[in-house]
Amino acid sequence: MNARKEGLKNRLNIEDISINFRLLHLFQIHDSAFPIGSFTQSFGMETYIQQDRIKTKQQLIDYCQVFLDYNLVHGDGIVVKAAFEAAKEEDWERLIHLEQLCHGMKLASESRAASMKMGRQFLHTVMLISQLESLTIWKQKLDAKEVKGHYPLIYGLYASGLNIDQKTMILTFLYASISAIVQNAVRAIPLGQNSGVQAIYELLSSIEKAAGVVMNCTLDDISNNTLGIEMSSMEHEYLYSRLFIS
């Protein structure tokens, strides 16, 4: 019992931590060891791999570029940004609306399920180390089935409570999303680790530009133009063998 109380006392109290600590914690939640399940999701990429449409480093970069520009920038990236802003104002009605948009813009059921699975796992994990009241409120709404638990929404909600710069938050979200895809591709194609490192490096400038685009976007800019990726997600469950859930 005493150990449990001590553990609760040591959970993050945002107002008591330094800027450098916040930055280090931001690194932590994007570390591959942070258990949100991104390593189990390919968001349709595995279908392309099995169709021999992604076999090389350049083909992987091309896929990531499309995913970044047309899926993340005009989809989850805008949701993260808007959730960050709504959470600052404690506008729960708007946050619920944002999650409904997030759910509706994902056409493939596997994409929706992956987003909810990662979001719920992220919420569970950060609640072990954080005292943010906003997380408790969202968990109550999730338990009451008022919300579904999509990852971009919860990520923006949590990042807002960390009091970090919004542009930094968007950059790290986009980077982590692309990095996860590349690391999963390294296992699935397969590619060497060196190719994965090179692919991510070549995409850094694109990620930086994408973050700038997101910063200038509003909810009116939400769209889903990655129909090929959505179709590959729908086809994924019919693959003969699968490494990933989506």
C-alpha atoms as a PDB file:
ATOM      1  CA  MET A   1       0.000   0.000   0.000  1.00  0.00           C
ATOM      2  CA  ASN A   2       2.820   2.426   0.866  1.00  0.00           C
ATOM      3  CA  ALA A   3       4.564   1.676  -2.438  1.00  0.00           C
ATOM      4  CA  ARG A   4       1.317   2.374  -4.288  1.00  0.00           C
ATOM      5  CA  LYS A   5       0.877   5.724  -2.538  1.00  0.00           C
ATOM      6  CA  GLU A   6       4.472   6.651  -3.316  1.00  0.00           C
ATOM      7  CA  GLY A   7       3.908   5.766  -6.966  1.00  0.00           C
ATOM      8  CA  LEU A   8       0.860   8.014  -7.151  1.00  0.00           C
ATOM      9  CA  LYS A   9       2.812  10.866  -5.546  1.00  0.00           C
ATOM     10  CA  ASN A  10       5.524  10.519  -8.182  1.00  0.00           C
ATOM     11  CA  ARG A  11       3.172  10.805 -11.136  1.00  0.00           C
ATOM     12  CA  LEU A  12       3.609  13.822 -13.372  1.00  0.00           C
ATOM     13  CA  ASN A  13       2.407  17.082 -11.915  1.00  0.00           C
ATOM     14  CA  ILE A  14       2.775  19.326 -14.956  1.00  0.00           C
ATOM     15  CA  GLU A  15       2.994  22.574 -13.022  1.00  0.00           C
ATOM     16  CA  ASP A  16       6.001  21.327 -11.042  1.00  0.00           C
ATOM     17  CA  ILE A  17       8.236  20.206 -13.913  1.00  0.00           C
ATOM     18  CA  SER A  18      10.792  22.096 -15.983  1.00  0.00           C
ATOM     19  CA  ILE A  19      10.711  22.809 -19.705  1.00  0.00           C
ATOM     20  CA  ASN A  20      13.539  20.330 -20.265  1.00  0.00           C
ATOM     21  CA  PHE A  21      11.628  17.643 -18.365  1.00  0.00           C
ATOM     22  CA  ARG A  22       8.585  18.274 -20.569  1.00  0.00           C
ATOM     23  CA  LEU A  23      10.761  17.899 -23.649  1.00  0.00           C
ATOM     24  CA  LEU A  24      12.294  14.671 -22.373  1.00  0.00           C
ATOM     25  CA  HIS A  25       8.834  13.333 -21.612  1.00  0.00           C
ATOM     26  CA  LEU A  26       7.757  14.242 -25.148  1.00  0.00           C
ATOM     27  CA  PHE A  27      10.644  12.077 -26.380  1.00  0.00           C
ATOM     28  CA  GLN A  28       9.476   9.304 -24.065  1.00  0.00           C
ATOM     29  CA  ILE A  29       5.925   9.096 -25.411  1.00  0.00           C
ATOM     30  CA  HIS A  30       7.336   8.731 -28.947  1.00  0.00           C
ATOM     31  CA  ASP A  31       9.910   6.130 -28.036  1.00  0.00           C
ATOM     32  CA  SER A  32       9.461   2.697 -29.604  1.00  0.00           C
ATOM     33  CA  ALA A  33       9.384   1.267 -26.067  1.00  0.00           C
ATOM     34  CA  PHE A  34       6.300   3.329 -25.185  1.00  0.00           C
ATOM     35  CA  PRO A  35       3.459   0.793 -25.495  1.00  0.00           C
ATOM     36  CA  ILE A  36       0.699   2.174 -27.717  1.00  0.00           C
ATOM     37  CA  GLY A  37       0.753  -0.638 -30.274  1.00  0.00           C
ATOM     38  CA  SER A  38       1.983   1.279 -33.335  1.00  0.00           C
ATOM     39  CA  PHE A  39       4.333  -1.616 -34.129  1.00  0.00           C
ATOM     40  CA  THR A  40       1.283  -3.821 -34.783  1.00  0.00           C
ATOM     41  CA  GLN A  41      -0.352  -1.442 -37.292  1.00  0.00           C
ATOM     42  CA  SER A  42       0.550  -0.860 -40.950  1.00  0.00           C
ATOM     43  CA  PHE A  43      -2.545   1.171 -41.956  1.00  0.00           C
ATOM     44  CA  GLY A  44      -2.811  -0.679 -45.258  1.00  0.00           C
ATOM     45  CA  MET A  45       0.893  -0.653 -46.113  1.00  0.00           C
ATOM     46  CA  GLU A  46       1.164  -4.434 -45.715  1.00  0.00           C
ATOM     47  CA  THR A  47      -1.281  -4.885 -48.599  1.00  0.00           C
ATOM     48  CA  TYR A  48       0.988  -2.824 -50.858  1.00  0.00           C
ATOM     49  CA  ILE A  49       3.997  -4.854 -49.742  1.00  0.00           C
ATOM     50  CA  GLN A  50       2.329  -8.176 -50.519  1.00  0.00           C
ATOM     51  CA  GLN A  51       1.234  -6.823 -53.895  1.00  0.00           C
ATOM     52  CA  ASP A  52       4.928  -6.078 -54.592  1.00  0.00           C
ATOM     53  CA  ARG A  53       4.165  -2.370 -54.897  1.00  0.00           C
ATOM     54  CA  ILE A  54       6.580  -1.486 -52.077  1.00  0.00           C
ATOM     55  CA  LYS A  55       9.835  -3.404 -52.449  1.00  0.00           C
ATOM     56  CA  THR A  56      12.554  -0.766 -52.330  1.00  0.00           C
ATOM     57  CA  LYS A  57      13.606   2.127 -50.127  1.00  0.00           C
ATOM     58  CA  GLN A  58      12.452   4.651 -52.732  1.00  0.00           C
ATOM     59  CA  GLN A  59       9.035   3.027 -53.060  1.00  0.00           C
ATOM     60  CA  LEU A  60       8.707   3.155 -49.279  1.00  0.00           C
ATOM     61  CA  ILE A  61       9.636   6.853 -49.264  1.00  0.00           C
ATOM     62  CA  ASP A  62       7.068   7.531 -51.986  1.00  0.00           C
ATOM     63  CA  TYR A  63       4.378   5.739 -49.968  1.00  0.00           C
ATOM     64  CA  CYS A  64       5.277   7.656 -46.802  1.00  0.00           C
ATOM     65  CA  GLN A  65       5.177  10.944 -48.711  1.00  0.00           C
ATOM     66  CA  VAL A  66       1.621  10.252 -49.867  1.00  0.00           C
ATOM     67  CA  PHE A  67       0.583   9.099 -46.391  1.00  0.00           C
ATOM     68  CA  LEU A  68       2.106  12.243 -44.888  1.00  0.00           C
ATOM     69  CA  ASP A  69       0.690  14.779 -47.354  1.00  0.00           C
ATOM     70  CA  TYR A  70      -2.781  13.377 -47.906  1.00  0.00           C
ATOM     71  CA  ASN A  71      -3.565  11.349 -44.809  1.00  0.00           C
ATOM     72  CA  LEU A  72      -1.758  12.947 -41.879  1.00  0.00           C
ATOM     73  CA  VAL A  73      -1.648  16.609 -42.938  1.00  0.00           C
ATOM     74  CA  HIS A  74      -5.308  16.834 -43.960  1.00  0.00           C
ATOM     75  CA  GLY A  75      -6.555  14.321 -41.423  1.00  0.00           C
ATOM     76  CA  ASP A  76      -5.046  13.332 -38.095  1.00  0.00           C
ATOM     77  CA  GLY A  77      -2.667  16.311 -38.064  1.00  0.00           C
ATOM     78  CA  ILE A  78      -5.564  18.779 -38.130  1.00  0.00           C
ATOM     79  CA  VAL A  79      -7.399  16.786 -35.450  1.00  0.00           C
ATOM     80  CA  VAL A  80      -4.337  16.881 -33.198  1.00  0.00           C
ATOM     81  CA  LYS A  81      -3.973  20.639 -33.682  1.00  0.00           C
ATOM     82  CA  ALA A  82      -7.670  21.337 -33.075  1.00  0.00           C
ATOM     83  CA  ALA A  83      -7.784  19.028 -30.041  1.00  0.00           C
ATOM     84  CA  PHE A  84      -4.769  20.834 -28.583  1.00  0.00           C
ATOM     85  CA  GLU A  85      -6.596  24.158 -28.928  1.00  0.00           C
ATOM     86  CA  ALA A  86      -9.948  22.893 -27.655  1.00  0.00           C
ATOM     87  CA  ALA A  87      -8.312  21.265 -24.633  1.00  0.00           C
ATOM     88  CA  LYS A  88      -6.652  24.576 -23.726  1.00  0.00           C
ATOM     89  CA  GLU A  89     -10.162  26.085 -23.533  1.00  0.00           C
ATOM     90  CA  GLU A  90     -11.600  22.978 -21.816  1.00  0.00           C
ATOM     91  CA  ASP A  91     -14.205  22.854 -24.585  1.00  0.00           C
ATOM     92  CA  TRP A  92     -15.440  19.285 -24.128  1.00  0.00           C
ATOM     93  CA  GLU A  93     -18.288  19.661 -26.606  1.00  0.00           C
ATOM     94  CA  ARG A  94     -15.840  20.638 -29.316  1.00  0.00           C
ATOM     95  CA  LEU A  95     -13.504  17.786 -28.392  1.00  0.00           C
ATOM     96  CA  ILE A  96     -16.336  15.283 -28.758  1.00  0.00           C
ATOM     97  CA  HIS A  97     -17.202  16.820 -32.136  1.00  0.00           C
ATOM     98  CA  LEU A  98     -13.566  16.513 -33.212  1.00  0.00           C
ATOM     99  CA  GLU A  99     -13.514  12.854 -32.310  1.00  0.00           C
ATOM    100  CA  GLN A 100     -16.648  12.259 -34.340  1.00  0.00           C
ATOM    101  CA  LEU A 101     -14.893  13.895 -37.307  1.00  0.00           C
ATOM    102  CA  CYS A 102     -11.846  11.725 -36.707  1.00  0.00           C
ATOM    103  CA  HIS A 103     -14.008   8.602 -36.697  1.00  0.00           C
ATOM    104  CA  GLY A 104     -15.943   9.597 -39.796  1.00  0.00           C
ATOM    105  CA  MET A 105     -12.975  10.510 -41.985  1.00  0.00           C
ATOM    106  CA  LYS A 106     -11.443   7.034 -41.647  1.00  0.00           C
ATOM    107  CA  LEU A 107     -13.265   5.061 -44.322  1.00  0.00           C
ATOM    108  CA  ALA A 108     -11.770   1.638 -43.637  1.00  0.00           C
ATOM    109  CA  SER A 109     -12.963  -0.147 -40.516  1.00  0.00           C
ATOM    110  CA  GLU A 110      -9.415  -1.367 -39.860  1.00  0.00           C
ATOM    111  CA  SER A 111      -8.106   2.223 -39.883  1.00  0.00           C
ATOM    112  CA  ARG A 112     -10.777   3.250 -37.397  1.00  0.00           C
ATOM    113  CA  ALA A 113     -10.091   0.253 -35.181  1.00  0.00           C
ATOM    114  CA  ALA A 114      -6.327   0.889 -35.247  1.00  0.00           C
ATOM    115  CA  SER A 115      -6.797   4.527 -34.249  1.00  0.00           C
ATOM    116  CA  MET A 116      -9.081   3.582 -31.353  1.00  0.00           C
ATOM    117  CA  LYS A 117      -6.833   0.770 -30.151  1.00  0.00           C
ATOM    118  CA  MET A 118      -3.759   2.999 -30.119  1.00  0.00           C
ATOM    119  CA  GLY A 119      -5.693   5.828 -28.467  1.00  0.00           C
ATOM    120  CA  ARG A 120      -7.048   3.697 -25.656  1.00  0.00           C
ATOM    121  CA  GLN A 121      -3.647   2.149 -25.004  1.00  0.00           C
ATOM    122  CA  PHE A 122      -2.026   5.588 -25.034  1.00  0.00           C
ATOM    123  CA  LEU A 123      -4.610   6.900 -22.570  1.00  0.00           C
ATOM    124  CA  HIS A 124      -4.139   3.907 -20.266  1.00  0.00           C
ATOM    125  CA  THR A 125      -0.354   4.296 -20.312  1.00  0.00           C
ATOM    126  CA  VAL A 126      -0.107   8.053 -19.750  1.00  0.00           C
ATOM    127  CA  MET A 127      -2.648   7.862 -16.926  1.00  0.00           C
ATOM    128  CA  LEU A 128      -0.149   5.689 -15.060  1.00  0.00           C
ATOM    129  CA  ILE A 129       2.266   8.602 -14.917  1.00  0.00           C
ATOM    130  CA  SER A 130       0.130  11.737 -15.195  1.00  0.00           C
ATOM    131  CA  GLN A 131      -2.220  13.618 -12.891  1.00  0.00           C
ATOM    132  CA  LEU A 132      -3.884  15.646 -15.652  1.00  0.00           C
ATOM    133  CA  GLU A 133      -7.550  16.111 -14.848  1.00  0.00           C
ATOM    134  CA  SER A 134      -8.378  16.243 -18.560  1.00  0.00           C
ATOM    135  CA  LEU A 135      -7.273  12.622 -18.938  1.00  0.00           C
ATOM    136  CA  THR A 136      -9.556  11.544 -16.107  1.00  0.00           C
ATOM    137  CA  ILE A 137     -12.481  13.374 -17.675  1.00  0.00           C
ATOM    138  CA  TRP A 138     -11.839  11.791 -21.075  1.00  0.00           C
ATOM    139  CA  LYS A 139     -11.495   8.347 -19.517  1.00  0.00           C
ATOM    140  CA  GLN A 140     -14.893   8.833 -17.862  1.00  0.00           C
ATOM    141  CA  LYS A 141     -16.392   9.783 -21.218  1.00  0.00           C
ATOM    142  CA  LEU A 142     -14.782   6.731 -22.799  1.00  0.00           C
ATOM    143  CA  ASP A 143     -16.142   4.434 -20.078  1.00  0.00           C
ATOM    144  CA  ALA A 144     -19.586   6.000 -20.556  1.00  0.00           C
ATOM    145  CA  LYS A 145     -19.239   5.375 -24.342  1.00  0.00           C
ATOM    146  CA  GLU A 146     -19.621   9.067 -25.101  1.00  0.00           C
ATOM    147  CA  VAL A 147     -16.360   8.884 -27.073  1.00  0.00           C
ATOM    148  CA  LYS A 148     -14.484   6.128 -28.885  1.00  0.00           C
ATOM    149  CA  GLY A 149     -10.886   6.847 -27.855  1.00  0.00           C
ATOM    150  CA  HIS A 150      -9.187   7.861 -31.104  1.00  0.00           C
ATOM    151  CA  TYR A 151      -5.427   8.381 -30.776  1.00  0.00           C
ATOM    152  CA  PRO A 152      -5.047  11.807 -32.491  1.00  0.00           C
ATOM    153  CA  LEU A 153      -7.672  13.327 -30.203  1.00  0.00           C
ATOM    154  CA  ILE A 154      -6.131  11.932 -27.006  1.00  0.00           C
ATOM    155  CA  TYR A 155      -2.642  12.859 -28.171  1.00  0.00           C
ATOM    156  CA  GLY A 156      -3.674  16.486 -28.700  1.00  0.00           C
ATOM    157  CA  LEU A 157      -5.492  16.509 -25.379  1.00  0.00           C
ATOM    158  CA  TYR A 158      -2.454  15.220 -23.514  1.00  0.00           C
ATOM    159  CA  ALA A 159       0.043  17.444 -25.328  1.00  0.00           C
ATOM    160  CA  SER A 160      -2.064  20.469 -24.414  1.00  0.00           C
ATOM    161  CA  GLY A 161      -1.742  19.561 -20.743  1.00  0.00           C
ATOM    162  CA  LEU A 162       2.034  19.297 -21.088  1.00  0.00           C
ATOM    163  CA  ASN A 163       2.162  22.994 -21.996  1.00  0.00           C
ATOM    164  CA  ILE A 164       4.520  22.409 -24.910  1.00  0.00           C
ATOM    165  CA  ASP A 165       4.746  24.487 -28.050  1.00  0.00           C
ATOM    166  CA  GLN A 166       2.003  23.613 -30.544  1.00  0.00           C
ATOM    167  CA  LYS A 167       4.365  23.487 -33.539  1.00  0.00           C
ATOM    168  CA  THR A 168       6.714  21.163 -31.657  1.00  0.00           C
ATOM    169  CA  MET A 169       3.773  18.943 -30.784  1.00  0.00           C
ATOM    170  CA  ILE A 170       2.691  18.684 -34.435  1.00  0.00           C
ATOM    171  CA  LEU A 171       6.251  18.018 -35.612  1.00  0.00           C
ATOM    172  CA  THR A 172       6.755  15.172 -33.164  1.00  0.00           C
ATOM    173  CA  PHE A 173       3.349  13.662 -33.941  1.00  0.00           C
ATOM    174  CA  LEU A 174       4.033  13.618 -37.691  1.00  0.00           C
ATOM    175  CA  TYR A 175       7.570  12.334 -37.185  1.00  0.00           C
ATOM    176  CA  ALA A 176       6.463   9.506 -34.893  1.00  0.00           C
ATOM    177  CA  SER A 177       3.694   8.490 -37.310  1.00  0.00           C
ATOM    178  CA  ILE A 178       6.076   8.260 -40.280  1.00  0.00           C
ATOM    179  CA  SER A 179       8.844   6.654 -38.229  1.00  0.00           C
ATOM    180  CA  ALA A 180       6.471   3.878 -37.119  1.00  0.00           C
ATOM    181  CA  ILE A 181       5.508   3.134 -40.731  1.00  0.00           C
ATOM    182  CA  VAL A 182       9.146   2.980 -41.807  1.00  0.00           C
ATOM    183  CA  GLN A 183      10.147   0.705 -38.937  1.00  0.00           C
ATOM    184  CA  ASN A 184       7.264  -1.629 -39.699  1.00  0.00           C
ATOM    185  CA  ALA A 185       8.248  -1.662 -43.379  1.00  0.00           C
ATOM    186  CA  VAL A 186      11.824  -2.601 -42.448  1.00  0.00           C
ATOM    187  CA  ARG A 187      10.421  -5.773 -40.872  1.00  0.00           C
ATOM    188  CA  ALA A 188       7.784  -6.535 -43.492  1.00  0.00           C
ATOM    189  CA  ILE A 189       9.474  -5.921 -46.874  1.00  0.00           C
ATOM    190  CA  PRO A 190      12.132  -6.612 -45.458  1.00  0.00           C
ATOM    191  CA  LEU A 191      14.677  -3.801 -45.714  1.00  0.00           C
ATOM    192  CA  GLY A 192      17.911  -3.366 -43.816  1.00  0.00           C
ATOM    193  CA  GLN A 193      18.022  -1.053 -40.823  1.00  0.00           C
ATOM    194  CA  ASN A 194      20.345   1.254 -42.780  1.00  0.00           C
ATOM    195  CA  SER A 195      17.691   1.686 -45.465  1.00  0.00           C
ATOM    196  CA  GLY A 196      15.165   2.546 -42.778  1.00  0.00           C
ATOM    197  CA  VAL A 197      17.483   5.176 -41.294  1.00  0.00           C
ATOM    198  CA  GLN A 198      18.084   6.679 -44.727  1.00  0.00           C
ATOM    199  CA  ALA A 199      14.364   6.706 -45.553  1.00  0.00           C
ATOM    200  CA  ILE A 200      13.466   8.599 -42.379  1.00  0.00           C
ATOM    201  CA  TYR A 201      16.304  11.064 -42.920  1.00  0.00           C
ATOM    202  CA  GLU A 202      15.166  11.783 -46.477  1.00  0.00           C
ATOM    203  CA  LEU A 203      11.639  12.426 -45.191  1.00  0.00           C
ATOM    204  CA  LEU A 204      12.622  14.899 -42.455  1.00  0.00           C
ATOM    205  CA  SER A 205      12.332  17.988 -44.660  1.00  0.00           C
ATOM    206  CA  SER A 206       8.923  16.808 -45.852  1.00  0.00           C
ATOM    207  CA  ILE A 207       7.798  16.342 -42.255  1.00  0.00           C
ATOM    208  CA  GLU A 208       8.979  19.859 -41.419  1.00  0.00           C
ATOM    209  CA  LYS A 209       7.049  21.316 -44.366  1.00  0.00           C
ATOM    210  CA  ALA A 210       3.987  19.247 -43.491  1.00  0.00           C
ATOM    211  CA  ALA A 211       3.946  20.627 -39.953  1.00  0.00           C
ATOM    212  CA  GLY A 212       3.930  24.143 -41.383  1.00  0.00           C
ATOM    213  CA  VAL A 213       0.940  23.261 -43.562  1.00  0.00           C
ATOM    214  CA  VAL A 214      -0.957  21.819 -40.583  1.00  0.00           C
ATOM    215  CA  MET A 215      -0.332  24.990 -38.599  1.00  0.00           C
ATOM    216  CA  ASN A 216      -2.198  26.955 -41.282  1.00  0.00           C
ATOM    217  CA  CYS A 217      -5.073  24.478 -41.645  1.00  0.00           C
ATOM    218  CA  THR A 218      -8.547  24.607 -40.113  1.00  0.00           C
ATOM    219  CA  LEU A 219     -11.292  22.005 -39.804  1.00  0.00           C
ATOM    220  CA  ASP A 220     -12.507  23.123 -43.228  1.00  0.00           C
ATOM    221  CA  ASP A 221      -9.319  21.603 -44.669  1.00  0.00           C
ATOM    222  CA  ILE A 222     -10.048  18.087 -43.413  1.00  0.00           C
ATOM    223  CA  SER A 223     -10.301  15.660 -46.317  1.00  0.00           C
ATOM    224  CA  ASN A 224      -9.485  12.092 -47.223  1.00  0.00           C
ATOM    225  CA  ASN A 225      -7.788  11.840 -50.598  1.00  0.00           C
ATOM    226  CA  THR A 226      -5.814   8.667 -49.881  1.00  0.00           C
ATOM    227  CA  LEU A 227      -8.382   6.375 -51.443  1.00  0.00           C
ATOM    228  CA  GLY A 228      -5.727   3.889 -52.519  1.00  0.00           C
ATOM    229  CA  ILE A 229      -4.483   3.555 -48.943  1.00  0.00           C
ATOM    230  CA  GLU A 230      -8.044   3.241 -47.631  1.00  0.00           C
ATOM    231  CA  MET A 231      -8.762   0.481 -50.172  1.00  0.00           C
ATOM    232  CA  SER A 232      -5.562  -1.337 -49.224  1.00  0.00           C
ATOM    233  CA  SER A 233      -6.698  -1.165 -45.586  1.00  0.00           C
ATOM    234  CA  MET A 234     -10.025  -2.714 -46.564  1.00  0.00           C
ATOM    235  CA  GLU A 235      -8.247  -5.462 -48.502  1.00  0.00           C
ATOM    236  CA  HIS A 236      -5.849  -6.186 -45.652  1.00  0.00           C
ATOM    237  CA  GLU A 237      -8.097  -8.609 -43.773  1.00  0.00           C
ATOM    238  CA  TYR A 238      -8.224 -10.849 -46.858  1.00  0.00           C
ATOM    239  CA  LEU A 239      -4.465 -11.278 -47.201  1.00  0.00           C
ATOM    240  CA  TYR A 240      -3.219 -14.850 -47.055  1.00  0.00           C
ATOM    241  CA  SER A 241      -0.840 -14.056 -44.186  1.00  0.00           C
ATOM    242  CA  ARG A 242      -0.406 -10.939 -42.081  1.00  0.00           C
ATOM    243  CA  LEU A 243       2.235  -9.478 -39.782  1.00  0.00           C
ATOM    244  CA  PHE A 244       0.078  -6.529 -38.791  1.00  0.00           C
ATOM    245  CA  ILE A 245      -3.455  -5.920 -37.553  1.00  0.00           C
ATOM    246  CA  SER A 246      -4.266  -3.188 -40.071  1.00  0.00           C
END
